[in-house]
Structures are given as C-alpha cells and as structure tokens.
PDB file of N, CA and C in Angstrom:
ATOM      1  N   MET A   1     -14.048  34.123 -35.700  1.00  0.00           N
ATOM      2  CA  MET A   1     -14.916  35.688 -35.041  1.00  0.00           C
ATOM      3  C   MET A   1     -15.644  36.318 -35.266  1.00  0.00           C
ATOM      4  N   SER A   2     -17.110  36.242 -35.552  1.00  0.00           N
ATOM      5  CA  SER A   2     -18.143  37.135 -35.649  1.00  0.00           C
ATOM      6  C   SER A   2     -18.281  38.696 -35.066  1.00  0.00           C
ATOM      7  N   ARG A   3     -18.360  39.486 -35.832  1.00  0.00           N
ATOM      8  CA  ARG A   3     -18.222  41.603 -35.062  1.00  0.00           C
ATOM      9  C   ARG A   3     -19.120  41.498 -33.907  1.00  0.00           C
ATOM     10  N   ARG A   4     -19.876  40.315 -34.016  1.00  0.00           N
ATOM     11  CA  ARG A   4     -20.882  40.649 -32.404  1.00  0.00           C
ATOM     12  C   ARG A   4     -19.993  40.514 -31.160  1.00  0.00           C
ATOM     13  N   HIS A   5     -19.325  38.960 -31.573  1.00  0.00           N
ATOM     14  CA  HIS A   5     -18.557  38.676 -30.673  1.00  0.00           C
ATOM     15  C   HIS A   5     -17.035  39.552 -30.163  1.00  0.00           C
ATOM     16  N   VAL A   6     -16.519  40.253 -31.232  1.00  0.00           N
ATOM     17  CA  VAL A   6     -15.762  40.951 -31.175  1.00  0.00           C
ATOM     18  C   VAL A   6     -16.371  42.185 -30.240  1.00  0.00           C
ATOM     19  N   GLN A   7     -17.180  42.624 -30.596  1.00  0.00           N
ATOM     20  CA  GLN A   7     -17.727  43.655 -29.623  1.00  0.00           C
ATOM     21  C   GLN A   7     -17.983  43.379 -28.485  1.00  0.00           C
ATOM     22  N   ALA A   8     -18.568  42.793 -28.129  1.00  0.00           N
ATOM     23  CA  ALA A   8     -18.709  42.082 -26.597  1.00  0.00           C
ATOM     24  C   ALA A   8     -17.030  41.733 -25.801  1.00  0.00           C
ATOM     25  N   VAL A   9     -16.666  41.233 -26.705  1.00  0.00           N
ATOM     26  CA  VAL A   9     -15.242  41.075 -25.913  1.00  0.00           C
ATOM     27  C   VAL A   9     -14.389  42.585 -25.616  1.00  0.00           C
ATOM     28  N   ILE A  10     -14.375  43.286 -26.615  1.00  0.00           N
ATOM     29  CA  ILE A  10     -14.165  44.568 -26.121  1.00  0.00           C
ATOM     30  C   ILE A  10     -15.057  45.442 -25.011  1.00  0.00           C
ATOM     31  N   ALA A  11     -16.048  44.998 -24.699  1.00  0.00           N
ATOM     32  CA  ALA A  11     -16.895  46.044 -24.137  1.00  0.00           C
ATOM     33  C   ALA A  11     -16.123  45.266 -22.530  1.00  0.00           C
ATOM     34  N   LEU A  12     -16.117  43.915 -22.683  1.00  0.00           N
ATOM     35  CA  LEU A  12     -16.084  43.150 -21.355  1.00  0.00           C
ATOM     36  C   LEU A  12     -14.531  44.226 -20.626  1.00  0.00           C
ATOM     37  N   ALA A  13     -13.179  43.906 -21.359  1.00  0.00           N
ATOM     38  CA  ALA A  13     -12.120  44.513 -21.736  1.00  0.00           C
ATOM     39  C   ALA A  13     -12.598  45.904 -21.047  1.00  0.00           C
ATOM     40  N   ARG A  14     -13.384  46.672 -21.393  1.00  0.00           N
ATOM     41  CA  ARG A  14     -13.382  47.913 -21.467  1.00  0.00           C
ATOM     42  C   ARG A  14     -14.010  48.128 -19.892  1.00  0.00           C
ATOM     43  N   ARG A  15     -14.452  47.290 -19.703  1.00  0.00           N
ATOM     44  CA  ARG A  15     -15.455  47.017 -18.263  1.00  0.00           C
ATOM     45  C   ARG A  15     -14.172  46.616 -17.402  1.00  0.00           C
ATOM     46  N   ARG A  16     -13.590  46.022 -17.732  1.00  0.00           N
ATOM     47  CA  ARG A  16     -12.428  44.988 -16.274  1.00  0.00           C
ATOM     48  C   ARG A  16     -11.872  46.204 -16.159  1.00  0.00           C
ATOM     49  N   ALA A  17     -11.198  47.401 -17.335  1.00  0.00           N
ATOM     50  CA  ALA A  17     -10.136  48.641 -17.180  1.00  0.00           C
ATOM     51  C   ALA A  17     -10.809  49.369 -16.262  1.00  0.00           C
ATOM     52  N   SER A  18     -12.103  49.534 -16.156  1.00  0.00           N
ATOM     53  CA  SER A  18     -12.702  50.678 -15.836  1.00  0.00           C
ATOM     54  C   SER A  18     -12.355  50.185 -14.115  1.00  0.00           C
ATOM     55  N   VAL A  19     -12.790  48.756 -13.620  1.00  0.00           N
ATOM     56  CA  VAL A  19     -12.955  48.634 -12.213  1.00  0.00           C
ATOM     57  C   VAL A  19     -11.520  48.271 -11.941  1.00  0.00           C
ATOM     58  N   LEU A  20     -10.516  48.376 -12.630  1.00  0.00           N
ATOM     59  CA  LEU A  20      -9.306  47.996 -12.196  1.00  0.00           C
ATOM     60  C   LEU A  20      -8.517  49.300 -12.153  1.00  0.00           C
ATOM     61  N   TRP A  21      -9.194  50.048 -13.307  1.00  0.00           N
ATOM     62  CA  TRP A  21      -8.524  51.839 -12.526  1.00  0.00           C
ATOM     63  C   TRP A  21      -9.077  52.286 -11.370  1.00  0.00           C
ATOM     64  N   ALA A  22     -10.383  52.263 -10.938  1.00  0.00           N
ATOM     65  CA  ALA A  22     -11.339  52.831 -10.063  1.00  0.00           C
ATOM     66  C   ALA A  22     -10.546  52.095  -8.692  1.00  0.00           C
ATOM     67  N   LEU A  23     -10.159  50.663  -8.476  1.00  0.00           N
ATOM     68  CA  LEU A  23      -9.501  50.268  -7.689  1.00  0.00           C
ATOM     69  C   LEU A  23      -8.004  50.819  -7.233  1.00  0.00           C
ATOM     70  N   LEU A  24      -7.253  51.315  -8.264  1.00  0.00           N
ATOM     71  CA  LEU A  24      -5.803  51.552  -8.779  1.00  0.00           C
ATOM     72  C   LEU A  24      -6.253  53.090  -7.963  1.00  0.00           C
ATOM     73  N   ARG A  25      -7.233  53.933  -8.270  1.00  0.00           N
ATOM     74  CA  ARG A  25      -6.950  55.268  -7.965  1.00  0.00           C
ATOM     75  C   ARG A  25      -7.555  55.534  -6.919  1.00  0.00           C
ATOM     76  N   ASP A  26      -8.426  54.476  -5.988  1.00  0.00           N
ATOM     77  CA  ASP A  26      -8.621  54.704  -4.549  1.00  0.00           C
ATOM     78  C   ASP A  26      -7.952  54.394  -3.982  1.00  0.00           C
ATOM     79  N   GLY A  27      -6.938  53.158  -4.035  1.00  0.00           N
ATOM     80  CA  GLY A  27      -6.007  52.434  -3.256  1.00  0.00           C
ATOM     81  C   GLY A  27      -6.722  51.608  -2.599  1.00  0.00           C
ATOM     82  N   ARG A  28      -7.868  50.726  -3.376  1.00  0.00           N
ATOM     83  CA  ARG A  28      -8.229  49.921  -2.861  1.00  0.00           C
ATOM     84  C   ARG A  28      -7.636  48.110  -3.215  1.00  0.00           C
ATOM     85  N   VAL A  29      -8.188  47.182  -2.858  1.00  0.00           N
ATOM     86  CA  VAL A  29      -7.503  45.795  -3.087  1.00  0.00           C
ATOM     87  C   VAL A  29      -8.889  45.074  -3.652  1.00  0.00           C
ATOM     88  N   SER A  30      -8.711  44.815  -4.408  1.00  0.00           N
ATOM     89  CA  SER A  30      -9.989  43.732  -5.276  1.00  0.00           C
ATOM     90  C   SER A  30     -10.117  42.340  -3.778  1.00  0.00           C
ATOM     91  N   PRO A  31     -11.934  42.365  -3.896  1.00  0.00           N
ATOM     92  CA  PRO A  31     -11.832  41.467  -2.942  1.00  0.00           C
ATOM     93  C   PRO A  31     -11.473  40.168  -3.262  1.00  0.00           C
ATOM     94  N   PRO A  32     -11.536  39.399  -2.675  1.00  0.00           N
ATOM     95  CA  PRO A  32     -10.973  37.567  -3.240  1.00  0.00           C
ATOM     96  C   PRO A  32     -12.159  37.321  -4.120  1.00  0.00           C
ATOM     97  N   LEU A  33     -12.072  36.391  -4.688  1.00  0.00           N
ATOM     98  CA  LEU A  33     -12.685  35.472  -5.514  1.00  0.00           C
ATOM     99  C   LEU A  33     -13.429  34.518  -4.935  1.00  0.00           C
ATOM    100  N   HIS A  34     -12.364  33.610  -3.969  1.00  0.00           N
ATOM    101  CA  HIS A  34     -13.010  32.316  -3.269  1.00  0.00           C
ATOM    102  C   HIS A  34     -12.473  32.924  -1.785  1.00  0.00           C
ATOM    103  N   ARG A  35     -13.271  31.528  -1.213  1.00  0.00           N
ATOM    104  CA  ARG A  35     -12.843  32.372   0.633  1.00  0.00           C
ATOM    105  C   ARG A  35     -11.330  31.241   0.700  1.00  0.00           C
ATOM    106  N   SER A  36     -10.750  32.000   1.330  1.00  0.00           N
ATOM    107  CA  SER A  36      -9.506  31.401   1.442  1.00  0.00           C
ATOM    108  C   SER A  36      -9.719  30.144   2.551  1.00  0.00           C
ATOM    109  N   ARG A  37      -8.716  28.972   2.386  1.00  0.00           N
ATOM    110  CA  ARG A  37      -9.405  28.002   3.809  1.00  0.00           C
ATOM    111  C   ARG A  37      -7.652  27.757   4.045  1.00  0.00           C
ATOM    112  N   LYS A  38      -8.008  27.507   5.416  1.00  0.00           N
ATOM    113  CA  LYS A  38      -6.545  26.902   5.637  1.00  0.00           C
ATOM    114  C   LYS A  38      -5.741  26.151   5.236  1.00  0.00           C
ATOM    115  N   ARG A  39      -4.422  26.158   4.580  1.00  0.00           N
ATOM    116  CA  ARG A  39      -3.803  24.899   4.056  1.00  0.00           C
ATOM    117  C   ARG A  39      -3.435  24.130   5.061  1.00  0.00           C
ATOM    118  N   LEU A  40      -3.627  22.991   4.725  1.00  0.00           N
ATOM    119  CA  LEU A  40      -3.385  21.958   5.568  1.00  0.00           C
ATOM    120  C   LEU A  40      -2.005  21.375   4.809  1.00  0.00           C
ATOM    121  N   SER A  41      -1.087  20.228   5.501  1.00  0.00           N
ATOM    122  CA  SER A  41       0.013  19.859   5.178  1.00  0.00           C
ATOM    123  C   SER A  41      -0.598  18.429   4.377  1.00  0.00           C
ATOM    124  N   CYS A  42       0.730  18.484   3.209  1.00  0.00           N
ATOM    125  CA  CYS A  42       0.604  17.099   2.804  1.00  0.00           C
ATOM    126  C   CYS A  42      -0.035  15.772   3.778  1.00  0.00           C
ATOM    127  N   ASP A  43       0.640  15.816   4.559  1.00  0.00           N
ATOM    128  CA  ASP A  43       0.532  14.575   5.751  1.00  0.00           C
ATOM    129  C   ASP A  43      -0.932  14.377   6.013  1.00  0.00           C
ATOM    130  N   VAL A  44      -1.610  15.637   6.315  1.00  0.00           N
ATOM    131  CA  VAL A  44      -3.018  15.550   7.019  1.00  0.00           C
ATOM    132  C   VAL A  44      -4.014  15.506   5.320  1.00  0.00           C
ATOM    133  N   LEU A  45      -3.584  15.950   4.827  1.00  0.00           N
ATOM    134  CA  LEU A  45      -4.768  15.421   3.526  1.00  0.00           C
ATOM    135  C   LEU A  45      -4.101  14.181   2.734  1.00  0.00           C
ATOM    136  N   ALA A  46      -3.039  13.311   3.157  1.00  0.00           N
ATOM    137  CA  ALA A  46      -3.002  11.816   2.904  1.00  0.00           C
ATOM    138  C   ALA A  46      -3.470  11.363   3.568  1.00  0.00           C
ATOM    139  N   ALA A  47      -4.004  11.629   5.121  1.00  0.00           N
ATOM    140  CA  ALA A  47      -4.594  10.958   6.106  1.00  0.00           C
ATOM    141  C   ALA A  47      -6.215  11.107   5.577  1.00  0.00           C
ATOM    142  N   GLN A  48      -6.406  12.138   5.539  1.00  0.00           N
ATOM    143  CA  GLN A  48      -7.732  12.454   5.263  1.00  0.00           C
ATOM    144  C   GLN A  48      -8.253  11.744   4.233  1.00  0.00           C
ATOM    145  N   ARG A  49      -7.711  11.228   3.091  1.00  0.00           N
ATOM    146  CA  ARG A  49      -7.896  10.889   1.710  1.00  0.00           C
ATOM    147  C   ARG A  49      -7.688   8.909   2.343  1.00  0.00           C
ATOM    148  N   ARG A  50      -6.628   8.811   2.681  1.00  0.00           N
ATOM    149  CA  ARG A  50      -6.895   6.876   3.660  1.00  0.00           C
ATOM    150  C   ARG A  50      -8.065   6.662   4.432  1.00  0.00           C
ATOM    151  N   GLU A  51      -8.469   7.728   5.173  1.00  0.00           N
ATOM    152  CA  GLU A  51      -9.882   7.402   6.170  1.00  0.00           C
ATOM    153  C   GLU A  51     -10.840   7.524   4.879  1.00  0.00           C
ATOM    154  N   ARG A  52     -11.293   8.109   4.160  1.00  0.00           N
ATOM    155  CA  ARG A  52     -11.971   7.989   3.094  1.00  0.00           C
ATOM    156  C   ARG A  52     -12.168   7.611   2.522  1.00  0.00           C
ATOM    157  N   ALA A  53     -11.012   6.614   1.970  1.00  0.00           N
ATOM    158  CA  ALA A  53     -11.007   5.347   1.592  1.00  0.00           C
ATOM    159  C   ALA A  53     -11.317   3.847   2.434  1.00  0.00           C
ATOM    160  N   HIS A  54     -10.779   4.556   3.340  1.00  0.00           N
ATOM    161  CA  HIS A  54     -11.060   2.793   4.504  1.00  0.00           C
ATOM    162  C   HIS A  54     -12.744   2.900   5.139  1.00  0.00           C
ATOM    163  N   ILE A  55     -13.355   4.354   5.224  1.00  0.00           N
ATOM    164  CA  ILE A  55     -14.738   4.266   5.123  1.00  0.00           C
ATOM    165  C   ILE A  55     -15.184   3.439   3.672  1.00  0.00           C
ATOM    166  N   ARG A  56     -14.987   3.923   2.654  1.00  0.00           N
ATOM    167  CA  ARG A  56     -15.619   3.609   1.522  1.00  0.00           C
ATOM    168  C   ARG A  56     -15.375   1.930   1.184  1.00  0.00           C
ATOM    169  N   SER A  57     -14.075   1.671   1.585  1.00  0.00           N
ATOM    170  CA  SER A  57     -14.338   0.084   1.419  1.00  0.00           C
ATOM    171  C   SER A  57     -15.024  -0.502   2.525  1.00  0.00           C
ATOM    172  N   GLU A  58     -14.907   0.256   3.607  1.00  0.00           N
ATOM    173  CA  GLU A  58     -16.343  -1.081   4.811  1.00  0.00           C
ATOM    174  C   GLU A  58     -17.307  -0.914   4.152  1.00  0.00           C
ATOM    175  N   LYS A  59     -17.937   0.219   3.667  1.00  0.00           N
ATOM    176  CA  LYS A  59     -19.598   0.122   3.144  1.00  0.00           C
ATOM    177  C   LYS A  59     -19.392  -0.263   1.688  1.00  0.00           C
ATOM    178  N   GLY A  60     -18.347  -1.190   1.076  1.00  0.00           N
ATOM    179  CA  GLY A  60     -18.616  -1.594  -0.179  1.00  0.00           C
ATOM    180  C   GLY A  60     -18.369  -0.741  -1.181  1.00  0.00           C
ATOM    181  N   LEU A  61     -18.116   0.306  -1.236  1.00  0.00           N
ATOM    182  CA  LEU A  61     -18.280   1.539  -2.360  1.00  0.00           C
ATOM    183  C   LEU A  61     -16.909   1.395  -2.851  1.00  0.00           C
ATOM    184  N   ARG A  62     -17.239   2.153  -4.137  1.00  0.00           N
ATOM    185  CA  ARG A  62     -16.564   3.119  -5.171  1.00  0.00           C
ATOM    186  C   ARG A  62     -16.601   4.462  -4.649  1.00  0.00           C
ATOM    187  N   TRP A  63     -15.718   5.367  -5.784  1.00  0.00           N
ATOM    188  CA  TRP A  63     -16.299   6.712  -5.529  1.00  0.00           C
ATOM    189  C   TRP A  63     -17.881   6.603  -6.618  1.00  0.00           C
ATOM    190  N   GLY A  64     -18.395   7.526  -6.607  1.00  0.00           N
ATOM    191  CA  GLY A  64     -19.521   8.339  -6.984  1.00  0.00           C
ATOM    192  C   GLY A  64     -20.639   6.743  -6.229  1.00  0.00           C
ATOM    193  N   GLY A  65     -20.360   6.114  -5.708  1.00  0.00           N
ATOM    194  CA  GLY A  65     -21.358   5.108  -4.592  1.00  0.00           C
ATOM    195  C   GLY A  65     -21.644   4.091  -5.489  1.00  0.00           C
ATOM    196  N   ARG A  66     -21.186   3.527  -6.370  1.00  0.00           N
ATOM    197  CA  ARG A  66     -20.897   2.064  -7.156  1.00  0.00           C
ATOM    198  C   ARG A  66     -20.229   1.052  -6.095  1.00  0.00           C
ATOM    199  N   PRO A  67     -21.767   0.144  -6.036  1.00  0.00           N
ATOM    200  CA  PRO A  67     -21.248  -1.063  -5.410  1.00  0.00           C
ATOM    201  C   PRO A  67     -19.515  -1.321  -5.853  1.00  0.00           C
ATOM    202  N   LEU A  68     -18.630  -1.910  -5.060  1.00  0.00           N
ATOM    203  CA  LEU A  68     -17.400  -2.692  -5.191  1.00  0.00           C
ATOM    204  C   LEU A  68     -17.633  -3.643  -6.378  1.00  0.00           C
ATOM    205  N   ILE A  69     -18.561  -4.768  -6.158  1.00  0.00           N
ATOM    206  CA  ILE A  69     -18.435  -6.304  -6.682  1.00  0.00           C
ATOM    207  C   ILE A  69     -20.371  -6.019  -7.480  1.00  0.00           C
ATOM    208  N   ASP A  70     -20.217  -5.790  -8.647  1.00  0.00           N
ATOM    209  CA  ASP A  70     -21.042  -5.684  -9.257  1.00  0.00           C
ATOM    210  C   ASP A  70     -22.019  -7.357  -9.505  1.00  0.00           C
ATOM    211  N   ALA A  71     -23.636  -7.151  -9.419  1.00  0.00           N
ATOM    212  CA  ALA A  71     -23.986  -8.101  -9.634  1.00  0.00           C
ATOM    213  C   ALA A  71     -24.594  -8.267 -11.542  1.00  0.00           C
ATOM    214  N   ALA A  72     -24.001  -9.968 -11.290  1.00  0.00           N
ATOM    215  CA  ALA A  72     -23.748 -10.055 -12.823  1.00  0.00           C
ATOM    216  C   ALA A  72     -24.968 -11.299 -13.344  1.00  0.00           C
TER     217      ALA A  72
END
C-alpha cells in the first residue's frame, strides 16, 4: 500500500468515527442507507418470477431481450 493510500484510509476512518461519535453523543439514529421495501413472502416472489417467465416466453424473449431462436 502506498503512503497516500494509507493516509486516505486513516482520514476516512477518522471521519467515520467522528460521525458515529456525534450520533452516539446526540442520541440519534443513523438514517437508513436504502429504502426498506415491504418484504414479500417466498410464495409471492415465486409467483412473480413465474409470471415474468411466462410473459417472456409469450414474447419469445430470453433474459436481456435476446430472441429465443437465433436466426442462423
């Protein structure tokens, strides 16, 4: 590791530590990094996958929009 990289990593660690310390000091909670979606059951997810596969087969498409039968 080069010296500049080590300095950058240390600087980022200090910044992260100061943010965490401020959150603890103020008694706040960190905002979520992503929107939490309502969790779907395995049955619902499987049904959605089957429906998408059925639609692709009706259109004659593979994943990525490629045709099922390549013209030779």
